[in-house]
mmCIF file of all heavy atoms, coordinates in Angstrom:
data_MODEL
# 
_entry.id   MODEL 
# 
loop_
_atom_site.group_PDB 
_atom_site.id 
_atom_site.type_symbol 
_atom_site.label_atom_id 
_atom_site.label_alt_id 
_atom_site.label_comp_id 
_atom_site.label_asym_id 
_atom_site.label_entity_id 
_atom_site.label_seq_id 
_atom_site.pdbx_PDB_ins_code 
_atom_site.Cartn_x 
_atom_site.Cartn_y 
_atom_site.Cartn_z 
_atom_site.occupancy 
_atom_site.B_iso_or_equiv 
_atom_site.pdbx_formal_charge 
_atom_site.auth_seq_id 
_atom_site.auth_comp_id 
_atom_site.auth_asym_id 
_atom_site.auth_atom_id 
_atom_site.pdbx_PDB_model_num 
ATOM 1   N N   . MET A 1 1  ? 19.655  -3.310  6.844  1.00 0.00 ? 1  MET A N   1 
ATOM 2   C CA  . MET A 1 1  ? 20.690  -3.253  7.894  1.00 0.00 ? 1  MET A CA  1 
ATOM 3   C C   . MET A 1 1  ? 22.083  -3.343  7.298  1.00 0.00 ? 1  MET A C   1 
ATOM 4   O O   . MET A 1 1  ? 23.032  -2.784  7.822  1.00 0.00 ? 1  MET A O   1 
ATOM 5   C CB  . MET A 1 1  ? 20.460  -4.339  8.924  1.00 0.00 ? 1  MET A CB  1 
ATOM 6   C CG  . MET A 1 1  ? 19.252  -4.106  9.796  1.00 0.00 ? 1  MET A CG  1 
ATOM 7   S SD  . MET A 1 1  ? 19.146  -5.245  11.224 1.00 0.00 ? 1  MET A SD  1 
ATOM 8   C CE  . MET A 1 1  ? 19.042  -6.810  10.390 1.00 0.00 ? 1  MET A CE  1 
ATOM 9   N N   . ALA A 1 2  ? 22.183  -4.041  6.178  1.00 0.00 ? 2  ALA A N   1 
ATOM 10  C CA  . ALA A 1 2  ? 23.466  -4.218  5.510  1.00 0.00 ? 2  ALA A CA  1 
ATOM 11  C C   . ALA A 1 2  ? 23.844  -2.972  4.679  1.00 0.00 ? 2  ALA A C   1 
ATOM 12  O O   . ALA A 1 2  ? 24.948  -2.888  4.123  1.00 0.00 ? 2  ALA A O   1 
ATOM 13  C CB  . ALA A 1 2  ? 23.477  -5.433  4.643  1.00 0.00 ? 2  ALA A CB  1 
ATOM 14  N N   . GLY A 1 3  ? 22.909  -2.004  4.550  1.00 0.00 ? 3  GLY A N   1 
ATOM 15  C CA  . GLY A 1 3  ? 23.191  -0.809  3.801  1.00 0.00 ? 3  GLY A CA  1 
ATOM 16  C C   . GLY A 1 3  ? 22.984  -0.950  2.320  1.00 0.00 ? 3  GLY A C   1 
ATOM 17  O O   . GLY A 1 3  ? 23.299  -0.034  1.536  1.00 0.00 ? 3  GLY A O   1 
ATOM 18  N N   . GLU A 1 4  ? 22.409  -2.071  1.858  1.00 0.00 ? 4  GLU A N   1 
ATOM 19  C CA  . GLU A 1 4  ? 22.185  -2.270  0.435  1.00 0.00 ? 4  GLU A CA  1 
ATOM 20  C C   . GLU A 1 4  ? 21.070  -1.362  -0.067 1.00 0.00 ? 4  GLU A C   1 
ATOM 21  O O   . GLU A 1 4  ? 21.035  -0.978  -1.245 1.00 0.00 ? 4  GLU A O   1 
ATOM 22  C CB  . GLU A 1 4  ? 21.848  -3.719  0.148  1.00 0.00 ? 4  GLU A CB  1 
ATOM 23  C CG  . GLU A 1 4  ? 22.911  -4.731  0.492  1.00 0.00 ? 4  GLU A CG  1 
ATOM 24  C CD  . GLU A 1 4  ? 22.427  -6.159  0.278  1.00 0.00 ? 4  GLU A CD  1 
ATOM 25  O OE1 . GLU A 1 4  ? 21.414  -6.363  -0.452 1.00 0.00 ? 4  GLU A OE1 1 
ATOM 26  O OE2 . GLU A 1 4  ? 23.072  -7.079  0.832  1.00 0.00 ? 4  GLU A OE2 1 
ATOM 27  N N   . ILE A 1 5  ? 20.090  -1.118  0.774  1.00 0.00 ? 5  ILE A N   1 
ATOM 28  C CA  . ILE A 1 5  ? 18.913  -0.301  0.417  1.00 0.00 ? 5  ILE A CA  1 
ATOM 29  C C   . ILE A 1 5  ? 18.645  0.656   1.535  1.00 0.00 ? 5  ILE A C   1 
ATOM 30  O O   . ILE A 1 5  ? 19.003  0.456   2.707  1.00 0.00 ? 5  ILE A O   1 
ATOM 31  C CB  . ILE A 1 5  ? 17.677  -1.169  0.125  1.00 0.00 ? 5  ILE A CB  1 
ATOM 32  C CG1 . ILE A 1 5  ? 17.365  -2.077  1.310  1.00 0.00 ? 5  ILE A CG1 1 
ATOM 33  C CG2 . ILE A 1 5  ? 17.849  -1.981  -1.148 1.00 0.00 ? 5  ILE A CG2 1 
ATOM 34  C CD1 . ILE A 1 5  ? 16.112  -2.893  1.188  1.00 0.00 ? 5  ILE A CD1 1 
ATOM 35  N N   . ARG A 1 6  ? 17.951  1.764   1.205  1.00 0.00 ? 6  ARG A N   1 
ATOM 36  C CA  . ARG A 1 6  ? 17.483  2.736   2.182  1.00 0.00 ? 6  ARG A CA  1 
ATOM 37  C C   . ARG A 1 6  ? 15.979  2.992   1.963  1.00 0.00 ? 6  ARG A C   1 
ATOM 38  O O   . ARG A 1 6  ? 15.568  4.020   1.432  1.00 0.00 ? 6  ARG A O   1 
ATOM 39  C CB  . ARG A 1 6  ? 18.292  4.027   2.099  1.00 0.00 ? 6  ARG A CB  1 
ATOM 40  C CG  . ARG A 1 6  ? 19.793  3.847   2.335  1.00 0.00 ? 6  ARG A CG  1 
ATOM 41  C CD  . ARG A 1 6  ? 20.503  5.189   2.345  1.00 0.00 ? 6  ARG A CD  1 
ATOM 42  N NE  . ARG A 1 6  ? 21.929  4.962   2.546  1.00 0.00 ? 6  ARG A NE  1 
ATOM 43  C CZ  . ARG A 1 6  ? 22.508  4.785   3.728  1.00 0.00 ? 6  ARG A CZ  1 
ATOM 44  N NH1 . ARG A 1 6  ? 21.739  4.835   4.851  1.00 0.00 ? 6  ARG A NH1 1 
ATOM 45  N NH2 . ARG A 1 6  ? 23.817  4.629   3.878  1.00 0.00 ? 6  ARG A NH2 1 
ATOM 46  N N   . PRO A 1 7  ? 15.190  2.019   2.321  1.00 0.00 ? 7  PRO A N   1 
ATOM 47  C CA  . PRO A 1 7  ? 13.766  2.079   1.950  1.00 0.00 ? 7  PRO A CA  1 
ATOM 48  C C   . PRO A 1 7  ? 12.952  3.139   2.682  1.00 0.00 ? 7  PRO A C   1 
ATOM 49  O O   . PRO A 1 7  ? 13.187  3.465   3.853  1.00 0.00 ? 7  PRO A O   1 
ATOM 50  C CB  . PRO A 1 7  ? 13.244  0.696   2.320  1.00 0.00 ? 7  PRO A CB  1 
ATOM 51  C CG  . PRO A 1 7  ? 14.196  0.211   3.385  1.00 0.00 ? 7  PRO A CG  1 
ATOM 52  C CD  . PRO A 1 7  ? 15.496  0.812   3.100  1.00 0.00 ? 7  PRO A CD  1 
ATOM 53  N N   . ARG A 1 8  ? 11.977  3.695   1.975  1.00 0.00 ? 8  ARG A N   1 
ATOM 54  C CA  . ARG A 1 8  ? 10.995  4.619   2.509  1.00 0.00 ? 8  ARG A CA  1 
ATOM 55  C C   . ARG A 1 8  ? 9.621   4.235   1.940  1.00 0.00 ? 8  ARG A C   1 
ATOM 56  O O   . ARG A 1 8  ? 9.535   3.591   0.933  1.00 0.00 ? 8  ARG A O   1 
ATOM 57  C CB  . ARG A 1 8  ? 11.302  6.065   2.128  1.00 0.00 ? 8  ARG A CB  1 
ATOM 58  C CG  . ARG A 1 8  ? 12.620  6.611   2.707  1.00 0.00 ? 8  ARG A CG  1 
ATOM 59  C CD  . ARG A 1 8  ? 12.634  6.710   4.228  1.00 0.00 ? 8  ARG A CD  1 
ATOM 60  N NE  . ARG A 1 8  ? 11.491  7.470   4.734  1.00 0.00 ? 8  ARG A NE  1 
ATOM 61  C CZ  . ARG A 1 8  ? 11.472  8.819   4.794  1.00 0.00 ? 8  ARG A CZ  1 
ATOM 62  N NH1 . ARG A 1 8  ? 12.486  9.517   4.355  1.00 0.00 ? 8  ARG A NH1 1 
ATOM 63  N NH2 . ARG A 1 8  ? 10.385  9.441   5.293  1.00 0.00 ? 8  ARG A NH2 1 
ATOM 64  N N   . VAL A 1 9  ? 8.580   4.677   2.628  1.00 0.00 ? 9  VAL A N   1 
ATOM 65  C CA  . VAL A 1 9  ? 7.211   4.282   2.247  1.00 0.00 ? 9  VAL A CA  1 
ATOM 66  C C   . VAL A 1 9  ? 6.453   5.472   1.697  1.00 0.00 ? 9  VAL A C   1 
ATOM 67  O O   . VAL A 1 9  ? 6.408   6.565   2.357  1.00 0.00 ? 9  VAL A O   1 
ATOM 68  C CB  . VAL A 1 9  ? 6.464   3.680   3.449  1.00 0.00 ? 9  VAL A CB  1 
ATOM 69  C CG1 . VAL A 1 9  ? 5.059   3.256   3.020  1.00 0.00 ? 9  VAL A CG1 1 
ATOM 70  C CG2 . VAL A 1 9  ? 7.220   2.482   4.020  1.00 0.00 ? 9  VAL A CG2 1 
ATOM 71  N N   . ALA A 1 10 ? 5.837   5.320   0.558  1.00 0.00 ? 10 ALA A N   1 
ATOM 72  C CA  . ALA A 1 10 ? 4.910   6.305   0.016  1.00 0.00 ? 10 ALA A CA  1 
ATOM 73  C C   . ALA A 1 10 ? 3.525   5.691   0.019  1.00 0.00 ? 10 ALA A C   1 
ATOM 74  O O   . ALA A 1 10 ? 3.319   4.523   -0.272 1.00 0.00 ? 10 ALA A O   1 
ATOM 75  C CB  . ALA A 1 10 ? 5.325   6.669   -1.417 1.00 0.00 ? 10 ALA A CB  1 
ATOM 76  N N   . VAL A 1 11 ? 2.527   6.503   0.351  1.00 0.00 ? 11 VAL A N   1 
ATOM 77  C CA  . VAL A 1 11 ? 1.152   5.996   0.452  1.00 0.00 ? 11 VAL A CA  1 
ATOM 78  C C   . VAL A 1 11 ? 0.194   6.892   -0.338 1.00 0.00 ? 11 VAL A C   1 
ATOM 79  O O   . VAL A 1 11 ? 0.383   8.130   -0.348 1.00 0.00 ? 11 VAL A O   1 
ATOM 80  C CB  . VAL A 1 11 ? 0.677   5.870   1.907  1.00 0.00 ? 11 VAL A CB  1 
ATOM 81  C CG1 . VAL A 1 11 ? 0.732   7.228   2.626  1.00 0.00 ? 11 VAL A CG1 1 
ATOM 82  C CG2 . VAL A 1 11 ? -0.713  5.285   2.010  1.00 0.00 ? 11 VAL A CG2 1 
ATOM 83  N N   . ALA A 1 12 ? -0.753  6.284   -1.026 1.00 0.00 ? 12 ALA A N   1 
ATOM 84  C CA  . ALA A 1 12 ? -1.769  7.001   -1.788 1.00 0.00 ? 12 ALA A CA  1 
ATOM 85  C C   . ALA A 1 12 ? -3.146  6.487   -1.460 1.00 0.00 ? 12 ALA A C   1 
ATOM 86  O O   . ALA A 1 12 ? -3.294  5.290   -1.160 1.00 0.00 ? 12 ALA A O   1 
ATOM 87  C CB  . ALA A 1 12 ? -1.516  6.895   -3.287 1.00 0.00 ? 12 ALA A CB  1 
ATOM 88  N N   . ARG A 1 13 ? -4.135  7.354   -1.519 1.00 0.00 ? 13 ARG A N   1 
ATOM 89  C CA  . ARG A 1 13 ? -5.543  6.956   -1.324 1.00 0.00 ? 13 ARG A CA  1 
ATOM 90  C C   . ARG A 1 13 ? -6.428  7.883   -2.137 1.00 0.00 ? 13 ARG A C   1 
ATOM 91  O O   . ARG A 1 13 ? -5.952  8.876   -2.678 1.00 0.00 ? 13 ARG A O   1 
ATOM 92  C CB  . ARG A 1 13 ? -5.900  6.967   0.151  1.00 0.00 ? 13 ARG A CB  1 
ATOM 93  C CG  . ARG A 1 13 ? -5.760  8.320   0.831  1.00 0.00 ? 13 ARG A CG  1 
ATOM 94  C CD  . ARG A 1 13 ? -6.227  8.304   2.285  1.00 0.00 ? 13 ARG A CD  1 
ATOM 95  N NE  . ARG A 1 13 ? -5.438  7.381   3.075  1.00 0.00 ? 13 ARG A NE  1 
ATOM 96  C CZ  . ARG A 1 13 ? -4.255  7.650   3.642  1.00 0.00 ? 13 ARG A CZ  1 
ATOM 97  N NH1 . ARG A 1 13 ? -3.745  8.827   3.445  1.00 0.00 ? 13 ARG A NH1 1 
ATOM 98  N NH2 . ARG A 1 13 ? -3.598  6.763   4.317  1.00 0.00 ? 13 ARG A NH2 1 
ATOM 99  N N   . ARG A 1 14 ? -7.691  7.521   -2.217 1.00 0.00 ? 14 ARG A N   1 
ATOM 100 C CA  . ARG A 1 14 ? -8.686  8.333   -2.882 1.00 0.00 ? 14 ARG A CA  1 
ATOM 101 C C   . ARG A 1 14 ? -9.910  8.483   -1.986 1.00 0.00 ? 14 ARG A C   1 
ATOM 102 O O   . ARG A 1 14 ? -9.991  7.784   -0.960 1.00 0.00 ? 14 ARG A O   1 
ATOM 103 C CB  . ARG A 1 14 ? -9.081  7.660   -4.217 1.00 0.00 ? 14 ARG A CB  1 
ATOM 104 C CG  . ARG A 1 14 ? -7.979  7.584   -5.274 1.00 0.00 ? 14 ARG A CG  1 
ATOM 105 C CD  . ARG A 1 14 ? -7.618  8.942   -5.810 1.00 0.00 ? 14 ARG A CD  1 
ATOM 106 N NE  . ARG A 1 14 ? -6.545  8.856   -6.798 1.00 0.00 ? 14 ARG A NE  1 
ATOM 107 C CZ  . ARG A 1 14 ? -5.247  8.944   -6.513 1.00 0.00 ? 14 ARG A CZ  1 
ATOM 108 N NH1 . ARG A 1 14 ? -4.831  9.087   -5.243 1.00 0.00 ? 14 ARG A NH1 1 
ATOM 109 N NH2 . ARG A 1 14 ? -4.334  8.891   -7.456 1.00 0.00 ? 14 ARG A NH2 1 
ATOM 110 N N   . PRO A 1 15 ? -10.881 9.330   -2.345 1.00 0.00 ? 15 PRO A N   1 
ATOM 111 C CA  . PRO A 1 15 ? -12.041 9.464   -1.458 1.00 0.00 ? 15 PRO A CA  1 
ATOM 112 C C   . PRO A 1 15 ? -12.997 8.274   -1.585 1.00 0.00 ? 15 PRO A C   1 
ATOM 113 O O   . PRO A 1 15 ? -14.068 8.333   -2.153 1.00 0.00 ? 15 PRO A O   1 
ATOM 114 C CB  . PRO A 1 15 ? -12.694 10.766  -1.994 1.00 0.00 ? 15 PRO A CB  1 
ATOM 115 C CG  . PRO A 1 15 ? -12.270 10.831  -3.418 1.00 0.00 ? 15 PRO A CG  1 
ATOM 116 C CD  . PRO A 1 15 ? -10.888 10.292  -3.452 1.00 0.00 ? 15 PRO A CD  1 
ATOM 117 N N   . ILE A 1 16 ? -12.524 7.138   -1.057 1.00 0.00 ? 16 ILE A N   1 
ATOM 118 C CA  . ILE A 1 16 ? -13.243 5.867   -1.108 1.00 0.00 ? 16 ILE A CA  1 
ATOM 119 C C   . ILE A 1 16 ? -13.335 5.316   0.301  1.00 0.00 ? 16 ILE A C   1 
ATOM 120 O O   . ILE A 1 16 ? -12.332 5.183   0.983  1.00 0.00 ? 16 ILE A O   1 
ATOM 121 C CB  . ILE A 1 16 ? -12.549 4.836   -2.001 1.00 0.00 ? 16 ILE A CB  1 
ATOM 122 C CG1 . ILE A 1 16 ? -12.253 5.387   -3.397 1.00 0.00 ? 16 ILE A CG1 1 
ATOM 123 C CG2 . ILE A 1 16 ? -13.414 3.574   -2.097 1.00 0.00 ? 16 ILE A CG2 1 
ATOM 124 C CD1 . ILE A 1 16 ? -11.440 4.441   -4.274 1.00 0.00 ? 16 ILE A CD1 1 
ATOM 125 N N   . LEU A 1 17 ? -14.539 4.926   0.713  1.00 0.00 ? 17 LEU A N   1 
ATOM 126 C CA  . LEU A 1 17 ? -14.720 4.260   1.985  1.00 0.00 ? 17 LEU A CA  1 
ATOM 127 C C   . LEU A 1 17 ? -14.580 2.762   1.827  1.00 0.00 ? 17 LEU A C   1 
ATOM 128 O O   . LEU A 1 17 ? -13.978 2.104   2.646  1.00 0.00 ? 17 LEU A O   1 
ATOM 129 C CB  . LEU A 1 17 ? -16.108 4.641   2.528  1.00 0.00 ? 17 LEU A CB  1 
ATOM 130 C CG  . LEU A 1 17 ? -16.517 4.148   3.935  1.00 0.00 ? 17 LEU A CG  1 
ATOM 131 C CD1 . LEU A 1 17 ? -17.525 5.146   4.539  1.00 0.00 ? 17 LEU A CD1 1 
ATOM 132 C CD2 . LEU A 1 17 ? -17.095 2.758   3.920  1.00 0.00 ? 17 LEU A CD2 1 
ATOM 133 N N   . TYR A 1 18 ? -15.146 2.260   0.745  1.00 0.00 ? 18 TYR A N   1 
ATOM 134 C CA  . TYR A 1 18 ? -15.151 0.787   0.562  1.00 0.00 ? 18 TYR A CA  1 
ATOM 135 C C   . TYR A 1 18 ? -15.048 0.523   -0.954 1.00 0.00 ? 18 TYR A C   1 
ATOM 136 O O   . TYR A 1 18 ? -15.843 1.077   -1.716 1.00 0.00 ? 18 TYR A O   1 
ATOM 137 C CB  . TYR A 1 18 ? -16.429 0.173   1.112  1.00 0.00 ? 18 TYR A CB  1 
ATOM 138 C CG  . TYR A 1 18 ? -16.615 -1.301  0.881  1.00 0.00 ? 18 TYR A CG  1 
ATOM 139 C CD1 . TYR A 1 18 ? -16.238 -2.204  1.884  1.00 0.00 ? 18 TYR A CD1 1 
ATOM 140 C CD2 . TYR A 1 18 ? -17.162 -1.808  -0.294 1.00 0.00 ? 18 TYR A CD2 1 
ATOM 141 C CE1 . TYR A 1 18 ? -16.399 -3.592  1.691  1.00 0.00 ? 18 TYR A CE1 1 
ATOM 142 C CE2 . TYR A 1 18 ? -17.304 -3.180  -0.478 1.00 0.00 ? 18 TYR A CE2 1 
ATOM 143 C CZ  . TYR A 1 18 ? -16.934 -4.054  0.511  1.00 0.00 ? 18 TYR A CZ  1 
ATOM 144 O OH  . TYR A 1 18 ? -17.072 -5.394  0.318  1.00 0.00 ? 18 TYR A OH  1 
ATOM 145 N N   . ALA A 1 19 ? -14.117 -0.315  -1.358 1.00 0.00 ? 19 ALA A N   1 
ATOM 146 C CA  . ALA A 1 19 ? -13.970 -0.751  -2.738 1.00 0.00 ? 19 ALA A CA  1 
ATOM 147 C C   . ALA A 1 19 ? -13.077 -1.949  -2.765 1.00 0.00 ? 19 ALA A C   1 
ATOM 148 O O   . ALA A 1 19 ? -12.835 -2.592  -1.733 1.00 0.00 ? 19 ALA A O   1 
ATOM 149 C CB  . ALA A 1 19 ? -13.410 0.386   -3.611 1.00 0.00 ? 19 ALA A CB  1 
ATOM 150 N N   . LEU A 1 20 ? -12.576 -2.272  -3.958 1.00 0.00 ? 20 LEU A N   1 
ATOM 151 C CA  . LEU A 1 20 ? -11.671 -3.443  -4.117 1.00 0.00 ? 20 LEU A CA  1 
ATOM 152 C C   . LEU A 1 20 ? -12.302 -4.715  -3.586 1.00 0.00 ? 20 LEU A C   1 
ATOM 153 O O   . LEU A 1 20 ? -11.647 -5.610  -3.072 1.00 0.00 ? 20 LEU A O   1 
ATOM 154 C CB  . LEU A 1 20 ? -10.323 -3.221  -3.476 1.00 0.00 ? 20 LEU A CB  1 
ATOM 155 C CG  . LEU A 1 20 ? -9.459  -2.094  -4.092 1.00 0.00 ? 20 LEU A CG  1 
ATOM 156 C CD1 . LEU A 1 20 ? -8.137  -1.952  -3.365 1.00 0.00 ? 20 LEU A CD1 1 
ATOM 157 C CD2 . LEU A 1 20 ? -9.255  -2.343  -5.581 1.00 0.00 ? 20 LEU A CD2 1 
ATOM 158 N N   . ASP A 1 21 ? -13.686 -4.786  -3.691 1.00 0.00 ? 21 ASP A N   1 
ATOM 159 C CA  . ASP A 1 21 ? -14.380 -5.989  -3.315 1.00 0.00 ? 21 ASP A CA  1 
ATOM 160 C C   . ASP A 1 21 ? -14.172 -6.380  -1.851 1.00 0.00 ? 21 ASP A C   1 
ATOM 161 O O   . ASP A 1 21 ? -14.164 -7.548  -1.510 1.00 0.00 ? 21 ASP A O   1 
ATOM 162 C CB  . ASP A 1 21 ? -14.015 -7.163  -4.253 1.00 0.00 ? 21 ASP A CB  1 
ATOM 163 C CG  . ASP A 1 21 ? -15.173 -8.073  -4.511 1.00 0.00 ? 21 ASP A CG  1 
ATOM 164 O OD1 . ASP A 1 21 ? -16.332 -7.646  -4.323 1.00 0.00 ? 21 ASP A OD1 1 
ATOM 165 O OD2 . ASP A 1 21 ? -14.959 -9.187  -4.974 1.00 0.00 ? 21 ASP A OD2 1 
ATOM 166 N N   . GLY A 1 22 ? -13.942 -5.344  -1.042 1.00 0.00 ? 22 GLY A N   1 
ATOM 167 C CA  . GLY A 1 22 ? -13.722 -5.626  0.368  1.00 0.00 ? 22 GLY A CA  1 
ATOM 168 C C   . GLY A 1 22 ? -12.415 -6.354  0.623  1.00 0.00 ? 22 GLY A C   1 
ATOM 169 O O   . GLY A 1 22 ? -12.230 -6.874  1.750  1.00 0.00 ? 22 GLY A O   1 
ATOM 170 N N   . GLY A 1 23 ? -11.547 -6.387  -0.325 1.00 0.00 ? 23 GLY A N   1 
ATOM 171 C CA  . GLY A 1 23 ? -10.244 -7.050  -0.158 1.00 0.00 ? 23 GLY A CA  1 
ATOM 172 C C   . GLY A 1 23 ? -10.217 -8.459  -0.679 1.00 0.00 ? 23 GLY A C   1 
ATOM 173 O O   . GLY A 1 23 ? -9.197  -9.164  -0.457 1.00 0.00 ? 23 GLY A O   1 
ATOM 174 N N   . ARG A 1 24 ? -11.237 -8.893  -1.359 1.00 0.00 ? 24 ARG A N   1 
ATOM 175 C CA  . ARG A 1 24 ? -11.211 -10.252 -1.925 1.00 0.00 ? 24 ARG A CA  1 
ATOM 176 C C   . ARG A 1 24 ? -10.146 -10.380 -2.966 1.00 0.00 ? 24 ARG A C   1 
ATOM 177 O O   . ARG A 1 24 ? -10.266 -9.808  -4.069 1.00 0.00 ? 24 ARG A O   1 
ATOM 178 C CB  . ARG A 1 24 ? -12.611 -10.623 -2.455 1.00 0.00 ? 24 ARG A CB  1 
ATOM 179 C CG  . ARG A 1 24 ? -13.660 -10.692 -1.339 1.00 0.00 ? 24 ARG A CG  1 
ATOM 180 C CD  . ARG A 1 24 ? -14.938 -11.297 -1.812 1.00 0.00 ? 24 ARG A CD  1 
ATOM 181 N NE  . ARG A 1 24 ? -15.866 -11.459 -0.698 1.00 0.00 ? 24 ARG A NE  1 
ATOM 182 C CZ  . ARG A 1 24 ? -16.993 -12.181 -0.750 1.00 0.00 ? 24 ARG A CZ  1 
ATOM 183 N NH1 . ARG A 1 24 ? -17.327 -12.798 -1.856 1.00 0.00 ? 24 ARG A NH1 1 
ATOM 184 N NH2 . ARG A 1 24 ? -17.769 -12.262 0.323  1.00 0.00 ? 24 ARG A NH2 1 
ATOM 185 N N   . THR A 1 25 ? -9.111  -11.118 -2.683 1.00 0.00 ? 25 THR A N   1 
ATOM 186 C CA  . THR A 1 25 ? -7.958  -11.160 -3.549 1.00 0.00 ? 25 THR A CA  1 
ATOM 187 C C   . THR A 1 25 ? -8.131  -12.122 -4.716 1.00 0.00 ? 25 THR A C   1 
ATOM 188 O O   . THR A 1 25 ? -7.230  -12.317 -5.509 1.00 0.00 ? 25 THR A O   1 
ATOM 189 C CB  . THR A 1 25 ? -6.672  -11.578 -2.746 1.00 0.00 ? 25 THR A CB  1 
ATOM 190 O OG1 . THR A 1 25 ? -6.995  -12.766 -1.961 1.00 0.00 ? 25 THR A OG1 1 
ATOM 191 C CG2 . THR A 1 25 ? -6.306  -10.489 -1.749 1.00 0.00 ? 25 THR A CG2 1 
ATOM 192 N N   . THR A 1 26 ? -9.345  -12.692 -4.828 1.00 0.00 ? 26 THR A N   1 
ATOM 193 C CA  . THR A 1 26 ? -9.655  -13.564 -5.965 1.00 0.00 ? 26 THR A CA  1 
ATOM 194 C C   . THR A 1 26 ? -10.478 -12.792 -6.995 1.00 0.00 ? 26 THR A C   1 
ATOM 195 O O   . THR A 1 26 ? -10.794 -13.365 -8.051 1.00 0.00 ? 26 THR A O   1 
ATOM 196 C CB  . THR A 1 26 ? -10.455 -14.797 -5.516 1.00 0.00 ? 26 THR A CB  1 
ATOM 197 O OG1 . THR A 1 26 ? -11.593 -14.328 -4.771 1.00 0.00 ? 26 THR A OG1 1 
ATOM 198 C CG2 . THR A 1 26 ? -9.598  -15.674 -4.645 1.00 0.00 ? 26 THR A CG2 1 
# 
């Protein structure tokens, strides 16, 4: 809002249904 940054979002994925241990961050 202060004009310091002008952020945008980029997203990537692969042909995966389930991986990364279901999201277990440990």
